[in-house]
Protein backbone atom coordinates (compact mmCIF):
# COMPACT_ATOMS: atom_id res chain seq x y z
CA MET A 1 23.43 -40.91 -8.44
CA ALA A 2 22.63 -37.19 -8.51
CA ILE A 3 24.71 -34.99 -6.21
CA LEU A 4 22.80 -32.97 -3.64
CA ASP A 5 24.45 -29.56 -3.69
CA ALA A 6 23.51 -25.89 -3.98
CA ASP A 7 23.35 -26.06 -7.78
CA ALA A 8 20.88 -28.94 -7.62
CA VAL A 9 18.72 -26.96 -5.19
CA LEU A 10 18.80 -23.89 -7.43
CA ASP A 11 17.90 -25.95 -10.49
CA ALA A 12 14.89 -27.38 -8.66
CA LEU A 13 13.78 -23.92 -7.51
CA ARG A 14 13.72 -22.62 -11.08
CA ALA A 15 10.39 -24.39 -11.32
CA VAL A 16 8.91 -21.95 -8.79
CA GLN A 17 7.63 -18.84 -10.54
CA ASP A 18 6.38 -15.60 -9.04
CA PRO A 19 2.85 -15.34 -10.53
CA ASP A 20 2.96 -11.54 -10.68
CA LEU A 21 6.52 -10.97 -11.88
CA HIS A 22 6.32 -13.91 -14.32
CA ARG A 23 9.86 -15.07 -13.66
CA ASP A 24 11.27 -17.85 -11.54
CA ILE A 25 12.54 -17.02 -8.07
CA VAL A 26 16.13 -17.98 -8.91
CA THR A 27 16.31 -15.58 -11.87
CA LEU A 28 14.72 -12.88 -9.68
CA GLY A 29 17.48 -13.36 -7.11
CA PHE A 30 15.08 -14.33 -4.32
CA VAL A 31 16.96 -17.46 -3.16
CA LYS A 32 19.59 -16.80 -0.49
CA ASP A 33 21.86 -18.67 1.91
CA ILE A 34 21.45 -22.31 0.80
CA ARG A 35 22.72 -24.73 3.42
CA ILE A 36 22.95 -28.52 3.16
CA ALA A 37 23.67 -30.81 6.09
CA GLY A 38 23.24 -34.45 5.21
CA GLY A 39 19.64 -34.78 4.04
CA GLU A 40 18.56 -31.43 5.49
CA VAL A 41 18.30 -28.42 3.17
CA SER A 42 17.60 -24.88 4.34
CA PHE A 43 17.51 -21.56 2.48
CA GLN A 44 15.89 -18.14 2.47
CA VAL A 45 13.45 -16.73 -0.06
CA GLU A 46 13.73 -12.93 -0.01
CA LEU A 47 10.55 -11.44 -1.46
CA THR A 48 10.08 -7.86 -2.60
CA THR A 49 7.49 -7.08 0.09
CA PRO A 50 6.50 -8.56 3.46
CA ALA A 51 2.87 -8.11 2.36
CA CYS A 52 3.24 -10.53 -0.57
CA PRO A 53 -0.18 -12.23 -0.96
CA VAL A 54 1.35 -15.40 -2.47
CA LYS A 55 4.02 -15.86 0.21
CA ASP A 56 2.53 -19.08 1.59
CA LEU A 57 2.01 -20.49 -1.89
CA LEU A 58 5.63 -19.84 -2.87
CA LYS A 59 6.88 -21.40 0.36
CA THR A 60 4.85 -24.55 -0.24
CA GLN A 61 6.08 -24.83 -3.83
CA CYS A 62 9.69 -24.45 -2.66
CA GLU A 63 9.24 -27.21 -0.10
CA VAL A 64 7.72 -29.53 -2.69
CA VAL A 65 10.31 -29.12 -5.48
CA VAL A 66 13.32 -29.31 -3.16
CA GLY A 67 11.78 -32.12 -1.12
CA ALA A 68 11.51 -34.17 -4.32
CA LEU A 69 15.30 -34.15 -4.86
CA PRO A 70 17.06 -37.49 -4.20
CA GLY A 71 18.57 -37.62 -0.74
CA VAL A 72 16.52 -34.77 0.75
CA GLU A 73 14.90 -35.69 4.05
CA ARG A 74 13.88 -32.29 5.38
CA VAL A 75 13.38 -28.82 3.87
CA GLU A 76 13.35 -25.60 5.86
CA VAL A 77 12.37 -22.41 4.01
CA GLU A 78 12.62 -19.01 5.69
CA MET A 79 10.51 -16.36 3.99
CA THR A 80 12.03 -12.88 4.29
CA ALA A 81 11.51 -9.60 2.44
CA ARG A 82 13.45 -6.59 1.22
CA VAL A 83 11.38 -3.85 -0.35
CA ARG A 84 13.01 -2.59 -3.53
CA GLY A 85 12.43 1.05 -4.36
CA GLY A 86 11.67 2.64 -7.67
CA GLU A 87 13.13 5.85 -9.03
CA SER A 88 15.62 7.80 -6.93
CA LYS A 89 14.08 10.62 -4.93
CA PRO A 90 15.21 14.15 -5.88
CA ASP A 91 15.10 15.40 -2.30
CA VAL A 92 17.48 13.97 0.28
CA SER A 93 14.65 14.07 2.85
CA LEU A 94 12.98 11.15 1.06
CA ALA A 95 16.14 9.21 0.29
CA GLY A 96 15.16 6.49 2.76
CA VAL A 97 11.65 6.04 1.36
CA GLN A 98 11.37 3.16 -1.09
CA HIS A 99 7.85 3.77 -2.41
CA VAL A 100 5.60 6.85 -2.35
CA ILE A 101 2.00 5.84 -3.10
CA ALA A 102 -0.78 8.41 -3.37
CA ILE A 103 -4.40 7.56 -2.54
CA ALA A 104 -6.70 9.80 -4.59
CA SER A 105 -10.34 10.25 -5.48
CA GLY A 106 -12.28 12.41 -7.87
CA LYS A 107 -14.78 13.54 -5.25
CA GLY A 108 -15.15 13.63 -1.50
CA GLY A 109 -17.17 11.19 0.57
CA VAL A 110 -15.88 8.00 -1.02
CA GLY A 111 -13.88 6.88 2.05
CA LYS A 112 -10.42 7.69 0.70
CA SER A 113 -8.96 8.56 4.11
CA THR A 114 -10.40 5.40 5.65
CA VAL A 115 -8.80 3.38 2.87
CA SER A 116 -5.48 5.20 3.36
CA CYS A 117 -5.38 4.51 7.12
CA ASN A 118 -6.23 0.85 6.83
CA LEU A 119 -3.92 0.15 3.90
CA ALA A 120 -1.08 1.69 5.90
CA ILE A 121 -1.91 -0.39 8.97
CA ALA A 122 -2.25 -3.59 6.93
CA LEU A 123 1.19 -3.05 5.39
CA ALA A 124 2.68 -2.37 8.83
CA GLN A 125 1.04 -5.44 10.33
CA ALA A 126 2.61 -7.49 7.53
CA GLY A 127 6.03 -6.29 8.66
CA ALA A 128 6.69 -3.25 6.45
CA LYS A 129 7.97 0.12 7.66
CA VAL A 130 5.19 2.56 6.81
CA GLY A 131 4.51 6.28 6.91
CA LEU A 132 1.16 7.98 6.38
CA LEU A 133 1.00 11.60 5.20
CA ASP A 134 -2.30 13.45 5.37
CA ALA A 135 -1.98 15.88 2.46
CA ASP A 136 -5.60 16.99 2.64
CA VAL A 137 -4.74 20.46 3.91
CA TYR A 138 -8.32 21.72 3.81
CA GLY A 139 -9.89 18.84 5.73
CA PRO A 140 -7.22 16.78 7.53
CA SER A 141 -8.99 13.76 9.03
CA ILE A 142 -6.15 11.29 9.62
CA PRO A 143 -5.44 12.49 13.22
CA LEU A 144 -9.03 11.76 14.28
CA MET A 145 -9.23 8.43 12.44
CA MET A 146 -5.96 7.28 14.01
CA GLY A 147 -6.97 8.42 17.51
CA ALA A 148 -4.17 10.97 17.62
CA GLN A 149 -6.09 14.24 17.38
CA ASN A 150 -4.62 15.49 20.67
CA GLU A 151 -1.02 14.71 19.74
CA ARG A 152 1.51 17.39 18.81
CA PRO A 153 4.72 16.52 16.96
CA MET A 154 8.16 17.36 18.32
CA THR A 155 11.17 18.58 16.40
CA ARG A 156 14.63 17.08 16.11
CA GLY A 157 17.13 19.58 14.79
CA GLU A 158 15.38 21.24 11.86
CA LYS A 159 13.04 18.33 11.20
CA ILE A 160 9.56 17.49 12.47
CA VAL A 161 9.31 14.05 14.08
CA PRO A 162 6.18 12.17 12.96
CA ILE A 163 3.59 10.93 15.45
CA TYR A 164 3.79 7.15 15.93
CA ARG A 165 0.48 5.30 16.14
CA TYR A 166 -0.51 1.69 15.48
CA GLY A 167 2.90 1.00 13.98
CA ILE A 168 2.63 3.93 11.54
CA HIS A 169 4.62 7.17 11.31
CA LEU A 170 2.00 9.93 10.88
CA MET A 171 2.10 13.52 9.76
CA SER A 172 -0.80 15.86 9.09
CA LEU A 173 -1.46 19.56 9.06
CA GLY A 174 -4.14 18.68 11.59
CA PHE A 175 -1.40 18.12 14.19
CA LEU A 176 -0.23 21.71 13.70
CA LEU A 177 -3.61 23.51 13.78
CA GLU A 178 -5.74 24.49 16.73
CA GLU A 179 -8.95 22.50 17.08
CA GLY A 180 -11.63 23.85 14.75
CA GLN A 181 -9.22 26.16 12.93
CA ALA A 182 -10.12 26.58 9.26
CA VAL A 183 -7.55 26.75 6.48
CA LEU A 184 -8.14 29.62 4.06
CA TRP A 185 -5.36 29.25 1.52
CA ARG A 186 -4.94 29.76 -2.17
CA GLY A 187 -3.10 27.48 -4.55
CA PRO A 188 0.55 28.48 -3.98
CA MET A 189 0.18 28.13 -0.20
CA VAL A 190 -1.31 24.65 -0.62
CA ALA A 191 1.56 23.59 -2.85
CA GLY A 192 4.10 24.96 -0.38
CA THR A 193 2.48 23.16 2.54
CA VAL A 194 2.46 19.82 0.73
CA LYS A 195 6.16 20.29 -0.01
CA GLN A 196 6.90 21.08 3.65
CA LEU A 197 4.95 18.06 4.88
CA LEU A 198 7.05 15.91 2.56
CA THR A 199 10.50 17.39 3.02
CA ASP A 200 10.52 18.99 6.48
CA VAL A 201 9.54 15.76 8.21
CA ASP A 202 12.06 13.19 9.43
CA TRP A 203 10.50 10.17 7.70
CA GLY A 204 13.59 8.01 8.20
CA GLU A 205 13.74 4.59 6.54
CA LEU A 206 10.35 3.58 5.11
CA ASP A 207 9.24 0.83 2.77
CA TYR A 208 6.03 2.69 1.92
CA LEU A 209 4.88 6.28 2.37
CA ILE A 210 1.11 6.39 1.85
CA VAL A 211 -0.14 9.88 0.96
CA ASP A 212 -3.81 10.66 1.52
CA LEU A 213 -4.61 13.35 -1.06
CA PRO A 214 -7.52 15.78 -0.95
CA PRO A 215 -10.32 14.96 -3.37
CA GLY A 216 -10.37 16.43 -6.83
CA THR A 217 -7.73 17.60 -9.27
CA GLY A 218 -6.38 20.72 -7.55
CA ASP A 219 -3.05 22.02 -6.33
CA ALA A 220 -2.21 19.31 -3.78
CA PRO A 221 -2.39 16.35 -6.22
CA MET A 222 -0.47 18.27 -8.87
CA SER A 223 2.18 19.42 -6.38
CA LEU A 224 2.78 15.90 -5.12
CA ALA A 225 3.11 14.46 -8.61
CA GLN A 226 5.63 17.16 -9.52
CA LEU A 227 7.61 17.10 -6.25
CA VAL A 228 8.36 13.40 -5.95
CA PRO A 229 8.54 10.42 -8.31
CA LEU A 230 5.45 8.48 -7.31
CA THR A 231 5.54 4.71 -7.44
CA GLY A 232 1.91 5.10 -8.34
CA VAL A 233 -1.55 6.41 -7.58
CA VAL A 234 -4.51 4.41 -6.30
CA ILE A 235 -7.95 5.73 -7.21
CA VAL A 236 -10.76 5.15 -4.68
CA ALA A 237 -14.31 5.26 -6.04
CA THR A 238 -17.79 4.20 -5.01
CA PRO A 239 -20.22 2.48 -7.41
CA HIS A 240 -21.96 5.70 -8.47
CA HIS A 241 -21.92 6.97 -12.04
CA VAL A 242 -21.07 10.46 -10.77
CA ALA A 243 -18.18 9.17 -8.65
CA ALA A 244 -16.88 7.07 -11.54
CA ASN A 245 -17.06 9.99 -13.94
CA ILE A 246 -15.09 12.29 -11.64
CA ALA A 247 -12.64 9.50 -10.78
CA GLY A 248 -11.97 9.26 -14.51
CA LYS A 249 -10.88 12.90 -14.49
CA SER A 250 -8.37 12.09 -11.74
CA VAL A 251 -6.97 9.28 -13.85
CA GLN A 252 -6.52 11.67 -16.77
CA LEU A 253 -4.85 14.29 -14.54
CA PHE A 254 -2.25 11.91 -13.15
CA ARG A 255 -1.53 10.48 -16.57
CA ARG A 256 -0.86 13.98 -17.88
CA LEU A 257 1.57 14.42 -14.98
CA ASN A 258 3.26 11.08 -15.83
CA ALA A 259 2.20 9.59 -12.49
CA PRO A 260 1.26 5.93 -13.07
CA ILE A 261 -2.13 4.64 -11.94
CA ILE A 262 -1.43 1.34 -10.20
CA GLY A 263 -4.94 0.43 -9.20
CA VAL A 264 -8.60 1.14 -8.50
CA ILE A 265 -10.28 0.31 -5.20
CA GLU A 266 -14.06 0.16 -4.96
CA ASN A 267 -15.43 1.27 -1.59
CA MET A 268 -18.95 0.70 -0.21
CA ALA A 269 -19.42 -2.06 -2.75
CA GLU A 270 -21.87 -4.45 -1.11
CA PHE A 271 -23.85 -4.68 2.10
CA VAL A 272 -24.19 -7.99 3.92
CA CYS A 273 -27.27 -8.11 6.12
CA PRO A 274 -26.12 -9.12 9.63
CA SER A 275 -29.41 -11.00 10.24
CA CYS A 276 -29.97 -13.02 7.07
CA GLN A 277 -26.55 -12.66 5.36
CA THR A 278 -28.22 -11.44 2.15
CA VAL A 279 -25.73 -9.58 -0.04
CA SER A 280 -27.05 -6.38 -1.64
CA ARG A 281 -25.42 -3.80 -3.87
CA ILE A 282 -26.80 -0.58 -2.43
CA PHE A 283 -25.51 1.58 -5.29
CA ALA A 284 -26.24 0.62 -8.87
CA GLY A 285 -23.61 2.70 -10.66
CA LEU A 286 -20.43 1.73 -12.49
CA SER A 287 -18.49 -0.86 -10.48
CA GLY A 288 -14.86 -0.43 -9.55
CA GLU A 289 -13.93 -3.37 -11.75
CA ASP A 290 -15.64 -1.77 -14.76
CA LEU A 291 -13.99 1.56 -14.00
CA ALA A 292 -10.57 -0.09 -13.92
CA ALA A 293 -11.29 -1.86 -17.20
CA ARG A 294 -12.38 1.40 -18.81
CA PHE A 295 -8.97 2.96 -18.09
CA ASP A 296 -6.97 -0.26 -18.49
CA VAL A 297 -5.54 -0.22 -14.96
CA PRO A 298 -5.42 -2.98 -12.31
CA PHE A 299 -8.50 -3.56 -10.18
CA LEU A 300 -7.24 -4.12 -6.63
CA GLY A 301 -10.56 -5.11 -5.07
CA SER A 302 -13.67 -4.04 -3.17
CA ILE A 303 -14.52 -3.02 0.38
CA PRO A 304 -18.03 -3.74 1.68
CA LEU A 305 -20.46 -1.13 2.96
CA ASP A 306 -20.17 -1.83 6.67
CA PRO A 307 -21.29 0.51 9.49
CA GLY A 308 -18.53 -0.91 11.66
CA ILE A 309 -15.86 0.63 9.42
CA SER A 310 -17.13 4.19 9.85
CA GLN A 311 -17.79 3.65 13.56
CA ALA A 312 -14.24 2.40 14.14
CA SER A 313 -12.83 5.39 12.25
CA ASP A 314 -14.92 7.81 14.30
CA ASP A 315 -13.66 6.11 17.46
CA GLY A 316 -10.04 6.59 16.37
CA VAL A 317 -9.40 2.83 16.30
CA PRO A 318 -9.33 1.64 12.66
CA PRO A 319 -11.06 -1.68 11.86
CA LEU A 320 -7.78 -3.56 11.47
CA VAL A 321 -6.99 -2.69 15.09
CA ALA A 322 -10.50 -2.69 16.56
CA ASP A 323 -11.56 -6.04 15.09
CA PRO A 324 -8.86 -7.65 12.95
CA PHE A 325 -10.85 -10.85 12.35
CA ARG A 326 -13.97 -9.36 10.75
CA ALA A 327 -14.45 -9.60 6.99
CA PRO A 328 -13.68 -5.90 6.26
CA SER A 329 -10.29 -6.24 7.94
CA GLN A 330 -9.42 -9.17 5.69
CA CYS A 331 -10.47 -7.03 2.70
CA PHE A 332 -7.96 -4.36 3.70
CA ARG A 333 -5.21 -6.98 4.11
CA ASP A 334 -5.95 -8.38 0.67
CA LEU A 335 -5.91 -4.90 -0.85
CA ALA A 336 -2.61 -4.07 0.84
CA GLY A 337 -1.08 -7.23 -0.59
CA LYS A 338 -2.22 -6.37 -4.11
CA LEU A 339 -0.98 -2.80 -3.71
CA ALA A 340 2.43 -4.08 -2.61
CA GLN A 341 2.43 -6.43 -5.62
CA GLN A 342 1.94 -3.53 -8.02
CA ALA A 343 4.71 -1.52 -6.34
CA SER A 344 7.09 -4.48 -6.67
CA ILE A 345 6.18 -4.99 -10.32
CA ARG A 346 7.00 -1.38 -11.09
CA ALA A 347 10.28 -1.43 -9.14
CA LEU A 348 11.53 -4.58 -10.88
CA ALA A 349 10.47 -3.24 -14.27
CA GLN A 350 12.59 -0.12 -13.63
CA GLU A 351 15.54 -2.29 -12.57
CA ALA A 352 15.28 -4.23 -15.81
CA SER A 353 15.00 -1.14 -18.02
């Protein structure tokens, strides 16, 4: 008769494979704290992100393979997470930040800031510790979108304390400017400001720092890529040929700076008629999926063209907070899970190298 012990449980769990990391959860070191009491078996599965989109699938598979062992009457699986960081950060100010992820676009008007806000909120709602940096020094919009335009940050010692909103630690030049004040800066001043927003802020311990970049290929994107080892860059594009063409230039810029592109997100992809539910593609240009294929990078997914998204942003209550059960909110949660997947893949690849 087979002996029910920790080794038998581990052997059974080797059949459970992470579909993104392509290794079993025992080899990956995910299985923790196995306990056996008679016919009851309990253990933890420590994933690399609380936003893992296959968390429920992995839990079910664990219950099935362990439950099939002789003598097992009950299986209890606790799903936990510990975000593993990538490269070490050169500045001590970011030592507690595991992943820095930039959200970029080739041109303005594609909804990059909306995507940044909602990805950050989705990650936080999944249980991650998240910061959001508005690096668009010419047109900072994060304060308004997050309903914090009247907030002013405090200082602690020599550091600026981020604004806390919807579970997110926020910083933006918009918090430091008077209402309506224009920024008239040349390149070196932009680079210096991006550096200050990164290093003069007390970010603390974060799993993810999402950085909303200004559109284009100017000083702010280049400064960020040179100042901090990015886990990766996400390109936001709409299905226009012009937007896709300029987004391609952003891809080329970041590749020249050795900043990995970890995904493409297509915004304003389809419109669902609220009356008849007919699905229409309003724009007939290159799709996000085709753009990702052209540059051989992951396609993270699409966000519909929905008036409710822009209205919620204008109201300062992002869709994931205003109406978490509508279809666009689920899109943002799915995208956040896929983004977290890509960050984990890169971190584990660096550990193995």
